[in-house]
Amino acid sequence: MDDKDKQLLNLLSENSRSSTTTLARMLGLSRSTVQDRIRRLEDRGIIAGYTIRLNEAFSQRLISAQVMMTFQPKYATAILQALKKMPGVVSIFTVSGIYDLIATVRAQTTEELDTTIDNIGILTGMEKTTTSIILSRKYEV
């Protein structure tokens, strides 16, 4: 990966909807060169997908929680796959210590959050969940 690829990744991380024409102009490259670079970055797995960034005002209205989980190790793969498919689960981390995973969950209502937490708790192999609702965000990059 060269400097142009790094610049391209930075531009896409700021706005993944930028057209290849716009990206090419910003990078001083041809449109076809930018398309080829994006395809290569995707093929190499460096670009794994495209996503959206929520408007800060909307995001602040969502209820967020950290769900800490312990489970039987033989169910780890199945639990991870189930969590990835659950609406509201926005990130999953493996961690050291007394928990096996921590998931960040977001919901528009406490009822929706409660349903998601219940659905996590009934997964086969799940032993325990502990949930902490996030009250405020003090810093995020």
N, C-alpha and C. Protein backbone atom coordinates (compact mmCIF):
# COMPACT_ATOMS: atom_id res chain seq x y z
N MET A 1 0.86 -1.17 0.00
CA MET A 1 0.00 0.00 0.00
C MET A 1 0.91 1.23 0.00
N ASP A 2 0.67 2.10 -0.98
CA ASP A 2 1.49 3.31 -1.07
C ASP A 2 0.75 4.51 -0.48
N ASP A 3 1.37 5.68 -0.57
CA ASP A 3 0.79 6.90 0.00
C ASP A 3 -0.55 7.25 -0.63
N LYS A 4 -0.69 7.04 -1.94
CA LYS A 4 -1.96 7.35 -2.61
C LYS A 4 -3.08 6.45 -2.08
N ASP A 5 -2.77 5.17 -1.83
CA ASP A 5 -3.77 4.27 -1.24
C ASP A 5 -4.18 4.76 0.14
N LYS A 6 -3.21 5.20 0.93
CA LYS A 6 -3.51 5.71 2.27
C LYS A 6 -4.38 6.97 2.19
N GLN A 7 -4.06 7.85 1.24
CA GLN A 7 -4.87 9.05 1.06
C GLN A 7 -6.28 8.68 0.62
N LEU A 8 -6.38 7.70 -0.28
CA LEU A 8 -7.68 7.24 -0.75
C LEU A 8 -8.50 6.68 0.41
N LEU A 9 -7.89 5.88 1.26
CA LEU A 9 -8.59 5.33 2.42
C LEU A 9 -9.06 6.44 3.35
N ASN A 10 -8.23 7.44 3.57
CA ASN A 10 -8.63 8.57 4.41
C ASN A 10 -9.83 9.30 3.83
N LEU A 11 -9.81 9.54 2.52
CA LEU A 11 -10.94 10.21 1.87
C LEU A 11 -12.21 9.38 1.97
N LEU A 12 -12.09 8.07 1.74
CA LEU A 12 -13.27 7.20 1.83
C LEU A 12 -13.79 7.09 3.26
N SER A 13 -12.89 7.15 4.23
CA SER A 13 -13.36 7.08 5.62
C SER A 13 -14.10 8.35 6.02
N GLU A 14 -13.78 9.46 5.38
CA GLU A 14 -14.50 10.71 5.63
C GLU A 14 -15.86 10.72 4.94
N ASN A 15 -15.90 10.18 3.71
CA ASN A 15 -17.16 10.15 2.96
C ASN A 15 -17.10 9.00 1.96
N SER A 16 -17.64 7.86 2.35
CA SER A 16 -17.59 6.68 1.49
C SER A 16 -18.50 6.81 0.27
N ARG A 17 -19.30 7.87 0.22
CA ARG A 17 -20.17 8.10 -0.94
C ARG A 17 -19.51 8.97 -2.01
N SER A 18 -18.30 9.40 -1.78
CA SER A 18 -17.60 10.23 -2.77
C SER A 18 -17.51 9.47 -4.09
N SER A 19 -17.76 10.18 -5.18
CA SER A 19 -17.66 9.55 -6.50
C SER A 19 -16.19 9.32 -6.84
N THR A 20 -15.96 8.36 -7.72
CA THR A 20 -14.58 8.11 -8.14
C THR A 20 -14.01 9.32 -8.88
N THR A 21 -14.87 10.07 -9.56
CA THR A 21 -14.42 11.29 -10.24
C THR A 21 -13.92 12.31 -9.23
N THR A 22 -14.68 12.50 -8.15
CA THR A 22 -14.27 13.44 -7.10
C THR A 22 -12.99 12.97 -6.43
N LEU A 23 -12.92 11.68 -6.11
CA LEU A 23 -11.71 11.14 -5.48
C LEU A 23 -10.50 11.31 -6.40
N ALA A 24 -10.69 11.03 -7.68
CA ALA A 24 -9.60 11.16 -8.64
C ALA A 24 -9.08 12.60 -8.69
N ARG A 25 -9.99 13.55 -8.70
CA ARG A 25 -9.60 14.96 -8.72
C ARG A 25 -8.81 15.31 -7.46
N MET A 26 -9.26 14.83 -6.31
CA MET A 26 -8.60 15.16 -5.04
C MET A 26 -7.21 14.51 -4.94
N LEU A 27 -7.06 13.35 -5.58
CA LEU A 27 -5.79 12.61 -5.51
C LEU A 27 -4.85 12.93 -6.67
N GLY A 28 -5.37 13.62 -7.68
CA GLY A 28 -4.55 13.89 -8.86
C GLY A 28 -4.31 12.65 -9.71
N LEU A 29 -5.31 11.75 -9.73
CA LEU A 29 -5.23 10.51 -10.50
C LEU A 29 -6.39 10.44 -11.48
N SER A 30 -6.32 9.52 -12.42
CA SER A 30 -7.45 9.31 -13.33
C SER A 30 -8.54 8.53 -12.60
N ARG A 31 -9.77 8.67 -13.11
CA ARG A 31 -10.91 7.97 -12.51
C ARG A 31 -10.69 6.45 -12.56
N SER A 32 -10.20 5.94 -13.68
CA SER A 32 -9.99 4.50 -13.81
C SER A 32 -8.91 4.00 -12.85
N THR A 33 -7.90 4.81 -12.60
CA THR A 33 -6.86 4.44 -11.64
C THR A 33 -7.45 4.34 -10.23
N VAL A 34 -8.30 5.29 -9.87
CA VAL A 34 -8.95 5.26 -8.56
C VAL A 34 -9.84 4.03 -8.45
N GLN A 35 -10.60 3.72 -9.50
CA GLN A 35 -11.45 2.52 -9.48
C GLN A 35 -10.60 1.26 -9.28
N ASP A 36 -9.48 1.18 -9.99
CA ASP A 36 -8.59 0.02 -9.85
C ASP A 36 -8.02 -0.07 -8.44
N ARG A 37 -7.63 1.06 -7.87
CA ARG A 37 -7.09 1.06 -6.51
C ARG A 37 -8.14 0.60 -5.50
N ILE A 38 -9.36 1.10 -5.64
CA ILE A 38 -10.44 0.69 -4.73
C ILE A 38 -10.69 -0.81 -4.86
N ARG A 39 -10.76 -1.31 -6.10
CA ARG A 39 -10.99 -2.74 -6.32
C ARG A 39 -9.87 -3.57 -5.67
N ARG A 40 -8.61 -3.15 -5.85
CA ARG A 40 -7.49 -3.88 -5.24
C ARG A 40 -7.57 -3.86 -3.72
N LEU A 41 -7.91 -2.70 -3.15
CA LEU A 41 -8.04 -2.60 -1.69
C LEU A 41 -9.17 -3.50 -1.19
N GLU A 42 -10.25 -3.61 -1.96
CA GLU A 42 -11.35 -4.51 -1.59
C GLU A 42 -10.90 -5.96 -1.71
N ASP A 43 -10.24 -6.30 -2.83
CA ASP A 43 -9.78 -7.68 -3.05
C ASP A 43 -8.81 -8.14 -1.98
N ARG A 44 -7.98 -7.22 -1.50
CA ARG A 44 -7.00 -7.56 -0.46
C ARG A 44 -7.61 -7.57 0.94
N GLY A 45 -8.88 -7.19 1.04
CA GLY A 45 -9.55 -7.18 2.33
C GLY A 45 -9.25 -5.96 3.17
N ILE A 46 -8.54 -4.99 2.61
CA ILE A 46 -8.25 -3.77 3.36
C ILE A 46 -9.53 -2.95 3.51
N ILE A 47 -10.29 -2.85 2.42
CA ILE A 47 -11.64 -2.28 2.51
C ILE A 47 -12.59 -3.46 2.66
N ALA A 48 -13.17 -3.57 3.85
CA ALA A 48 -14.05 -4.71 4.14
C ALA A 48 -15.51 -4.39 3.85
N GLY A 49 -15.83 -3.11 3.71
CA GLY A 49 -17.21 -2.72 3.45
C GLY A 49 -17.35 -1.22 3.60
N TYR A 50 -18.55 -0.77 3.38
CA TYR A 50 -18.86 0.66 3.47
C TYR A 50 -19.98 0.83 4.47
N THR A 51 -19.97 1.94 5.18
CA THR A 51 -20.96 2.14 6.23
C THR A 51 -21.38 3.61 6.26
N ILE A 52 -22.26 3.92 7.18
CA ILE A 52 -22.70 5.29 7.35
C ILE A 52 -22.27 5.79 8.72
N ARG A 53 -22.17 7.10 8.84
CA ARG A 53 -21.97 7.74 10.13
C ARG A 53 -23.27 8.44 10.45
N LEU A 54 -23.84 8.15 11.61
CA LEU A 54 -25.09 8.77 12.00
C LEU A 54 -24.88 10.23 12.37
N ASN A 55 -25.86 11.04 12.05
CA ASN A 55 -25.88 12.43 12.46
C ASN A 55 -25.75 12.47 13.98
N GLU A 56 -24.91 13.35 14.47
CA GLU A 56 -24.65 13.43 15.92
C GLU A 56 -25.92 13.63 16.73
N ALA A 57 -26.83 14.48 16.26
CA ALA A 57 -28.07 14.73 17.00
C ALA A 57 -28.91 13.45 17.08
N PHE A 58 -28.99 12.70 15.99
CA PHE A 58 -29.74 11.44 16.00
C PHE A 58 -29.05 10.42 16.89
N SER A 59 -27.75 10.31 16.75
CA SER A 59 -26.98 9.35 17.51
C SER A 59 -27.11 9.58 19.01
N GLN A 60 -27.15 10.84 19.42
CA GLN A 60 -27.25 11.15 20.85
C GLN A 60 -28.62 10.77 21.41
N ARG A 61 -29.63 10.67 20.56
CA ARG A 61 -30.96 10.27 21.03
C ARG A 61 -31.07 8.76 21.25
N LEU A 62 -30.13 8.00 20.69
CA LEU A 62 -30.17 6.55 20.86
C LEU A 62 -29.69 6.17 22.26
N ILE A 63 -30.26 5.11 22.77
CA ILE A 63 -29.82 4.56 24.06
C ILE A 63 -28.74 3.54 23.74
N SER A 64 -27.58 3.70 24.35
CA SER A 64 -26.46 2.79 24.12
C SER A 64 -26.15 2.03 25.39
N ALA A 65 -25.71 0.80 25.21
CA ALA A 65 -25.34 -0.03 26.36
C ALA A 65 -24.18 -0.93 25.98
N GLN A 66 -23.41 -1.29 26.99
CA GLN A 66 -22.36 -2.30 26.85
C GLN A 66 -22.90 -3.57 27.49
N VAL A 67 -22.90 -4.65 26.73
CA VAL A 67 -23.36 -5.94 27.25
C VAL A 67 -22.14 -6.84 27.37
N MET A 68 -21.77 -7.16 28.62
CA MET A 68 -20.65 -8.05 28.88
C MET A 68 -21.18 -9.47 29.00
N MET A 69 -20.49 -10.41 28.35
CA MET A 69 -21.01 -11.78 28.28
C MET A 69 -19.96 -12.82 28.67
N THR A 70 -20.43 -13.86 29.33
CA THR A 70 -19.64 -15.07 29.52
C THR A 70 -20.47 -16.21 28.95
N PHE A 71 -19.78 -17.15 28.32
CA PHE A 71 -20.48 -18.27 27.68
C PHE A 71 -19.57 -19.48 27.63
N GLN A 72 -20.16 -20.62 27.32
CA GLN A 72 -19.39 -21.85 27.18
C GLN A 72 -18.55 -21.74 25.90
N PRO A 73 -17.25 -21.98 26.00
CA PRO A 73 -16.34 -21.78 24.86
C PRO A 73 -16.76 -22.50 23.58
N LYS A 74 -17.36 -23.68 23.70
CA LYS A 74 -17.72 -24.41 22.48
C LYS A 74 -18.80 -23.71 21.66
N TYR A 75 -19.47 -22.72 22.25
CA TYR A 75 -20.52 -21.98 21.54
C TYR A 75 -20.03 -20.62 21.03
N ALA A 76 -18.76 -20.33 21.17
CA ALA A 76 -18.23 -19.00 20.83
C ALA A 76 -18.54 -18.60 19.39
N THR A 77 -18.29 -19.48 18.45
CA THR A 77 -18.52 -19.14 17.03
C THR A 77 -19.98 -18.89 16.76
N ALA A 78 -20.85 -19.75 17.26
CA ALA A 78 -22.30 -19.59 17.03
C ALA A 78 -22.82 -18.31 17.68
N ILE A 79 -22.34 -18.01 18.88
CA ILE A 79 -22.78 -16.79 19.57
C ILE A 79 -22.32 -15.56 18.79
N LEU A 80 -21.09 -15.55 18.35
CA LEU A 80 -20.58 -14.42 17.59
C LEU A 80 -21.39 -14.21 16.31
N GLN A 81 -21.69 -15.29 15.60
CA GLN A 81 -22.48 -15.17 14.36
C GLN A 81 -23.88 -14.65 14.66
N ALA A 82 -24.49 -15.12 15.73
CA ALA A 82 -25.84 -14.66 16.10
C ALA A 82 -25.83 -13.18 16.47
N LEU A 83 -24.81 -12.75 17.21
CA LEU A 83 -24.71 -11.34 17.61
C LEU A 83 -24.56 -10.43 16.39
N LYS A 84 -23.77 -10.86 15.41
CA LYS A 84 -23.55 -10.06 14.21
C LYS A 84 -24.85 -9.81 13.45
N LYS A 85 -25.80 -10.73 13.57
CA LYS A 85 -27.07 -10.62 12.84
C LYS A 85 -28.14 -9.86 13.61
N MET A 86 -27.90 -9.57 14.88
CA MET A 86 -28.92 -8.92 15.71
C MET A 86 -29.00 -7.43 15.42
N PRO A 87 -30.23 -6.94 15.17
CA PRO A 87 -30.39 -5.50 15.00
C PRO A 87 -30.00 -4.79 16.30
N GLY A 88 -29.31 -3.70 16.17
CA GLY A 88 -28.93 -2.93 17.34
C GLY A 88 -27.54 -3.22 17.86
N VAL A 89 -26.99 -4.39 17.53
CA VAL A 89 -25.62 -4.70 17.95
C VAL A 89 -24.69 -4.01 16.96
N VAL A 90 -23.93 -3.02 17.45
CA VAL A 90 -23.10 -2.22 16.55
C VAL A 90 -21.61 -2.53 16.63
N SER A 91 -21.18 -3.20 17.70
CA SER A 91 -19.78 -3.62 17.78
C SER A 91 -19.67 -4.77 18.77
N ILE A 92 -18.65 -5.60 18.54
CA ILE A 92 -18.41 -6.77 19.40
C ILE A 92 -16.90 -6.86 19.61
N PHE A 93 -16.50 -7.03 20.87
CA PHE A 93 -15.08 -7.10 21.21
C PHE A 93 -14.80 -8.37 22.01
N THR A 94 -13.71 -9.07 21.69
CA THR A 94 -13.22 -10.10 22.59
C THR A 94 -12.35 -9.38 23.61
N VAL A 95 -12.41 -9.82 24.84
CA VAL A 95 -11.69 -9.14 25.91
C VAL A 95 -11.03 -10.14 26.83
N SER A 96 -10.05 -9.67 27.58
CA SER A 96 -9.45 -10.50 28.63
C SER A 96 -10.18 -10.20 29.93
N GLY A 97 -10.03 -11.08 30.87
CA GLY A 97 -10.68 -10.86 32.17
C GLY A 97 -11.85 -11.81 32.37
N ILE A 98 -12.81 -11.38 33.17
CA ILE A 98 -13.90 -12.28 33.56
C ILE A 98 -14.96 -12.45 32.47
N TYR A 99 -14.97 -11.58 31.46
CA TYR A 99 -15.94 -11.69 30.38
C TYR A 99 -15.27 -12.22 29.12
N ASP A 100 -16.07 -12.83 28.27
CA ASP A 100 -15.57 -13.35 27.00
C ASP A 100 -15.72 -12.34 25.87
N LEU A 101 -16.86 -11.66 25.84
CA LEU A 101 -17.15 -10.66 24.82
C LEU A 101 -17.82 -9.46 25.45
N ILE A 102 -17.67 -8.32 24.80
CA ILE A 102 -18.46 -7.13 25.14
C ILE A 102 -19.06 -6.63 23.83
N ALA A 103 -20.37 -6.43 23.84
CA ALA A 103 -21.06 -5.89 22.67
C ALA A 103 -21.61 -4.51 22.99
N THR A 104 -21.54 -3.62 22.03
CA THR A 104 -22.20 -2.33 22.15
C THR A 104 -23.54 -2.45 21.44
N VAL A 105 -24.59 -2.08 22.14
CA VAL A 105 -25.95 -2.17 21.60
C VAL A 105 -26.55 -0.77 21.60
N ARG A 106 -27.26 -0.43 20.51
CA ARG A 106 -27.96 0.86 20.43
C ARG A 106 -29.42 0.60 20.09
N ALA A 107 -30.29 1.40 20.70
CA ALA A 107 -31.73 1.26 20.47
C ALA A 107 -32.40 2.62 20.61
N GLN A 108 -33.58 2.74 19.99
CA GLN A 108 -34.31 4.00 20.08
C GLN A 108 -35.14 4.09 21.35
N THR A 109 -35.51 2.93 21.93
CA THR A 109 -36.32 2.93 23.14
C THR A 109 -35.74 1.93 24.14
N THR A 110 -36.13 2.07 25.40
CA THR A 110 -35.69 1.10 26.41
C THR A 110 -36.30 -0.26 26.13
N GLU A 111 -37.51 -0.29 25.58
CA GLU A 111 -38.15 -1.56 25.26
C GLU A 111 -37.35 -2.30 24.18
N GLU A 112 -36.91 -1.57 23.18
CA GLU A 112 -36.10 -2.17 22.11
C GLU A 112 -34.77 -2.67 22.66
N LEU A 113 -34.16 -1.90 23.54
CA LEU A 113 -32.91 -2.31 24.17
C LEU A 113 -33.13 -3.57 25.01
N ASP A 114 -34.22 -3.59 25.77
CA ASP A 114 -34.55 -4.74 26.61
C ASP A 114 -34.73 -6.00 25.77
N THR A 115 -35.40 -5.88 24.64
CA THR A 115 -35.61 -7.03 23.76
C THR A 115 -34.28 -7.56 23.23
N THR A 116 -33.40 -6.66 22.82
CA THR A 116 -32.09 -7.08 22.31
C THR A 116 -31.29 -7.79 23.40
N ILE A 117 -31.30 -7.23 24.60
CA ILE A 117 -30.56 -7.86 25.71
C ILE A 117 -31.15 -9.23 26.04
N ASP A 118 -32.48 -9.34 26.02
CA ASP A 118 -33.13 -10.64 26.24
C ASP A 118 -32.71 -11.64 25.17
N ASN A 119 -32.66 -11.19 23.92
CA ASN A 119 -32.28 -12.08 22.82
C ASN A 119 -30.83 -12.54 22.95
N ILE A 120 -29.98 -11.69 23.47
CA ILE A 120 -28.59 -12.09 23.72
C ILE A 120 -28.56 -13.13 24.84
N GLY A 121 -29.31 -12.89 25.89
CA GLY A 121 -29.29 -13.78 27.05
C GLY A 121 -29.78 -15.19 26.79
N ILE A 122 -30.64 -15.37 25.78
CA ILE A 122 -31.18 -16.71 25.52
C ILE A 122 -30.40 -17.49 24.47
N LEU A 123 -29.30 -16.93 23.99
CA LEU A 123 -28.49 -17.67 23.02
C LEU A 123 -27.96 -18.95 23.66
N THR A 124 -27.96 -20.01 22.89
CA THR A 124 -27.46 -21.30 23.38
C THR A 124 -26.00 -21.16 23.81
N GLY A 125 -25.71 -21.59 25.02
CA GLY A 125 -24.35 -21.54 25.55
C GLY A 125 -24.05 -20.31 26.38
N MET A 126 -24.97 -19.31 26.34
CA MET A 126 -24.74 -18.09 27.11
C MET A 126 -24.90 -18.41 28.59
N GLU A 127 -23.93 -18.02 29.40
CA GLU A 127 -23.99 -18.28 30.83
C GLU A 127 -24.44 -17.05 31.62
N LYS A 128 -23.94 -15.87 31.24
CA LYS A 128 -24.26 -14.68 32.02
C LYS A 128 -24.07 -13.44 31.15
N THR A 129 -24.95 -12.47 31.34
CA THR A 129 -24.76 -11.15 30.73
C THR A 129 -24.86 -10.10 31.83
N THR A 130 -24.07 -9.07 31.69
CA THR A 130 -24.14 -7.91 32.57
C THR A 130 -24.19 -6.69 31.66
N THR A 131 -25.18 -5.84 31.88
CA THR A 131 -25.38 -4.70 31.00
C THR A 131 -25.18 -3.39 31.74
N SER A 132 -24.47 -2.48 31.10
CA SER A 132 -24.31 -1.12 31.62
C SER A 132 -24.80 -0.15 30.55
N ILE A 133 -25.80 0.65 30.90
CA ILE A 133 -26.29 1.66 29.97
C ILE A 133 -25.32 2.84 29.99
N ILE A 134 -24.98 3.34 28.82
CA ILE A 134 -24.07 4.47 28.70
C ILE A 134 -24.86 5.74 28.94
N LEU A 135 -24.47 6.50 29.95
CA LEU A 135 -25.19 7.72 30.31
C LEU A 135 -24.77 8.91 29.45
N SER A 136 -23.47 9.05 29.20
CA SER A 136 -23.02 10.15 28.36
C SER A 136 -21.67 9.79 27.75
N ARG A 137 -21.37 10.43 26.66
CA ARG A 137 -20.10 10.24 25.98
C ARG A 137 -19.22 11.44 26.31
N LYS A 138 -18.08 11.19 26.90
CA LYS A 138 -17.17 12.27 27.28
C LYS A 138 -16.13 12.55 26.19
N TYR A 139 -15.77 11.51 25.42
CA TYR A 139 -14.78 11.70 24.37
C TYR A 139 -14.87 10.54 23.40
N GLU A 140 -14.77 10.85 22.11
CA GLU A 140 -14.71 9.81 21.07
C GLU A 140 -14.02 10.40 19.86
N VAL A 141 -13.16 9.62 19.26
CA VAL A 141 -12.44 10.07 18.07
C VAL A 141 -13.24 9.69 16.85
